Amino acid sequence: MSECPLCRENNHCAIEAGEKPETCWCMRVAIPLQLLEAVSTNKEVCICQKCIEKYEKDACS
């Protein structure tokens, strides 16, 4: 399971599941730079769709 670094939930990564990268939900969304900066590390991390949607909703409020 690939874990979201923000909420620690499963991020439902198709790539980690062995599927083609273009099938993953994350390839069809723009991930806000502020979220990426908040979790910047030396390793690759995958923020989940729920956290991205929450961030965008809160930013629009």
N, C-alpha and C. Protein backbone atom coordinates (compact mmCIF):
# COMPACT_ATOMS: atom_id res chain seq x y z
N MET A 1 0.86 -1.19 0.00
CA MET A 1 0.00 0.00 0.00
C MET A 1 0.89 1.24 0.00
N SER A 2 0.55 2.15 -0.85
CA SER A 2 1.23 3.44 -0.87
C SER A 2 0.44 4.39 0.02
N GLU A 3 1.14 5.05 0.91
CA GLU A 3 0.50 5.86 1.95
C GLU A 3 0.64 7.35 1.66
N CYS A 4 -0.45 8.08 1.81
CA CYS A 4 -0.42 9.53 1.68
C CYS A 4 0.37 10.09 2.86
N PRO A 5 1.33 10.98 2.62
CA PRO A 5 2.12 11.52 3.72
C PRO A 5 1.35 12.51 4.60
N LEU A 6 0.19 12.94 4.15
CA LEU A 6 -0.59 13.89 4.94
C LEU A 6 -1.58 13.21 5.87
N CYS A 7 -2.38 12.28 5.34
CA CYS A 7 -3.41 11.65 6.15
C CYS A 7 -3.09 10.20 6.52
N ARG A 8 -2.04 9.66 5.93
CA ARG A 8 -1.59 8.29 6.19
C ARG A 8 -2.57 7.22 5.69
N GLU A 9 -3.48 7.61 4.81
CA GLU A 9 -4.44 6.68 4.21
C GLU A 9 -3.85 6.14 2.90
N ASN A 10 -4.45 5.09 2.38
CA ASN A 10 -4.06 4.52 1.10
C ASN A 10 -4.32 5.57 0.01
N ASN A 11 -3.33 5.80 -0.84
CA ASN A 11 -3.55 6.80 -1.90
C ASN A 11 -4.03 6.17 -3.21
N HIS A 12 -4.27 4.87 -3.21
CA HIS A 12 -4.82 4.14 -4.36
C HIS A 12 -3.97 4.33 -5.61
N CYS A 13 -2.68 4.11 -5.46
CA CYS A 13 -1.73 4.30 -6.55
C CYS A 13 -1.77 3.13 -7.53
N ALA A 14 -2.16 3.40 -8.76
CA ALA A 14 -2.19 2.37 -9.79
C ALA A 14 -0.78 1.93 -10.14
N ILE A 15 0.16 2.84 -10.09
CA ILE A 15 1.55 2.52 -10.44
C ILE A 15 2.11 1.51 -9.45
N GLU A 16 1.90 1.74 -8.17
CA GLU A 16 2.38 0.80 -7.16
C GLU A 16 1.69 -0.55 -7.29
N ALA A 17 0.47 -0.56 -7.80
CA ALA A 17 -0.26 -1.81 -7.99
C ALA A 17 0.20 -2.54 -9.25
N GLY A 18 1.19 -1.98 -9.94
CA GLY A 18 1.73 -2.64 -11.12
C GLY A 18 1.03 -2.28 -12.42
N GLU A 19 0.17 -1.29 -12.37
CA GLU A 19 -0.54 -0.86 -13.57
C GLU A 19 0.26 0.22 -14.29
N LYS A 20 -0.14 0.53 -15.50
CA LYS A 20 0.55 1.56 -16.28
C LYS A 20 0.35 2.93 -15.65
N PRO A 21 1.39 3.77 -15.66
CA PRO A 21 1.28 5.10 -15.04
C PRO A 21 0.10 5.91 -15.54
N GLU A 22 -0.21 5.82 -16.82
CA GLU A 22 -1.31 6.63 -17.36
C GLU A 22 -2.68 6.22 -16.83
N THR A 23 -2.76 5.07 -16.15
CA THR A 23 -4.04 4.65 -15.58
C THR A 23 -4.27 5.21 -14.18
N CYS A 24 -3.24 5.79 -13.57
CA CYS A 24 -3.38 6.29 -12.21
C CYS A 24 -4.14 7.62 -12.18
N TRP A 25 -4.98 7.77 -11.19
CA TRP A 25 -5.78 8.99 -11.03
C TRP A 25 -4.89 10.23 -10.96
N CYS A 26 -3.68 10.09 -10.39
CA CYS A 26 -2.82 11.26 -10.18
C CYS A 26 -2.27 11.84 -11.48
N MET A 27 -2.34 11.07 -12.54
CA MET A 27 -1.85 11.56 -13.83
C MET A 27 -2.87 12.48 -14.51
N ARG A 28 -4.06 12.58 -13.91
CA ARG A 28 -5.12 13.39 -14.50
C ARG A 28 -5.50 14.60 -13.66
N VAL A 29 -4.71 14.89 -12.62
CA VAL A 29 -5.00 16.04 -11.76
C VAL A 29 -3.74 16.89 -11.59
N ALA A 30 -3.95 18.15 -11.27
CA ALA A 30 -2.83 19.03 -10.94
C ALA A 30 -2.69 19.03 -9.42
N ILE A 31 -1.52 18.70 -8.94
CA ILE A 31 -1.28 18.68 -7.50
C ILE A 31 -0.72 20.04 -7.09
N PRO A 32 -1.41 20.75 -6.21
CA PRO A 32 -0.97 22.09 -5.81
C PRO A 32 0.47 22.10 -5.28
N LEU A 33 1.23 23.05 -5.72
CA LEU A 33 2.63 23.17 -5.32
C LEU A 33 2.77 23.28 -3.80
N GLN A 34 1.83 23.96 -3.16
CA GLN A 34 1.90 24.12 -1.71
C GLN A 34 1.83 22.77 -0.99
N LEU A 35 1.05 21.84 -1.51
CA LEU A 35 0.98 20.51 -0.91
C LEU A 35 2.28 19.75 -1.12
N LEU A 36 2.83 19.85 -2.31
CA LEU A 36 4.10 19.17 -2.59
C LEU A 36 5.21 19.72 -1.70
N GLU A 37 5.23 21.04 -1.53
CA GLU A 37 6.25 21.65 -0.67
C GLU A 37 6.07 21.23 0.79
N ALA A 38 4.84 21.03 1.21
CA ALA A 38 4.56 20.65 2.60
C ALA A 38 5.09 19.26 2.93
N VAL A 39 5.25 18.43 1.93
CA VAL A 39 5.70 17.06 2.17
C VAL A 39 7.03 16.78 1.47
N SER A 40 7.75 17.82 1.10
CA SER A 40 9.00 17.60 0.38
C SER A 40 9.97 16.79 1.22
N THR A 41 10.47 15.75 0.62
CA THR A 41 11.44 14.87 1.24
C THR A 41 12.41 14.42 0.17
N ASN A 42 13.34 13.60 0.55
CA ASN A 42 14.28 13.07 -0.42
C ASN A 42 13.72 11.88 -1.19
N LYS A 43 12.55 11.39 -0.79
CA LYS A 43 11.95 10.27 -1.49
C LYS A 43 10.66 10.71 -2.17
N GLU A 44 10.22 9.90 -3.12
CA GLU A 44 8.97 10.21 -3.81
C GLU A 44 7.80 9.91 -2.88
N VAL A 45 6.83 10.81 -2.88
CA VAL A 45 5.63 10.61 -2.09
C VAL A 45 4.41 10.86 -2.96
N CYS A 46 3.32 10.24 -2.59
CA CYS A 46 2.08 10.39 -3.35
C CYS A 46 0.98 10.90 -2.43
N ILE A 47 0.56 12.11 -2.64
CA ILE A 47 -0.54 12.69 -1.87
C ILE A 47 -1.84 12.10 -2.43
N CYS A 48 -2.77 11.74 -1.56
CA CYS A 48 -4.00 11.10 -2.03
C CYS A 48 -4.98 12.13 -2.61
N GLN A 49 -5.90 11.60 -3.38
CA GLN A 49 -6.90 12.44 -4.04
C GLN A 49 -7.76 13.17 -3.01
N LYS A 50 -8.08 12.51 -1.91
CA LYS A 50 -8.92 13.13 -0.87
C LYS A 50 -8.24 14.37 -0.29
N CYS A 51 -6.94 14.29 -0.03
CA CYS A 51 -6.22 15.44 0.53
C CYS A 51 -6.10 16.57 -0.48
N ILE A 52 -5.93 16.23 -1.75
CA ILE A 52 -5.87 17.26 -2.79
C ILE A 52 -7.21 17.97 -2.89
N GLU A 53 -8.30 17.21 -2.90
CA GLU A 53 -9.63 17.81 -2.99
C GLU A 53 -9.94 18.67 -1.76
N LYS A 54 -9.54 18.20 -0.57
CA LYS A 54 -9.76 18.98 0.65
C LYS A 54 -8.98 20.29 0.59
N TYR A 55 -7.74 20.24 0.15
CA TYR A 55 -6.91 21.44 0.04
C TYR A 55 -7.56 22.44 -0.92
N GLU A 56 -8.01 21.95 -2.08
CA GLU A 56 -8.63 22.84 -3.06
C GLU A 56 -9.92 23.43 -2.55
N LYS A 57 -10.72 22.63 -1.84
CA LYS A 57 -11.97 23.13 -1.27
C LYS A 57 -11.69 24.20 -0.22
N ASP A 58 -10.72 23.94 0.67
CA ASP A 58 -10.38 24.91 1.70
C ASP A 58 -9.79 26.19 1.12
N ALA A 59 -9.05 26.08 0.01
CA ALA A 59 -8.45 27.24 -0.62
C ALA A 59 -9.50 28.13 -1.27
N CYS A 60 -10.62 27.52 -1.68
CA CYS A 60 -11.70 28.28 -2.32
C CYS A 60 -12.66 28.89 -1.30
N SER A 61 -12.54 28.50 -0.06
CA SER A 61 -13.48 29.00 0.97
C SER A 61 -13.11 30.39 1.42
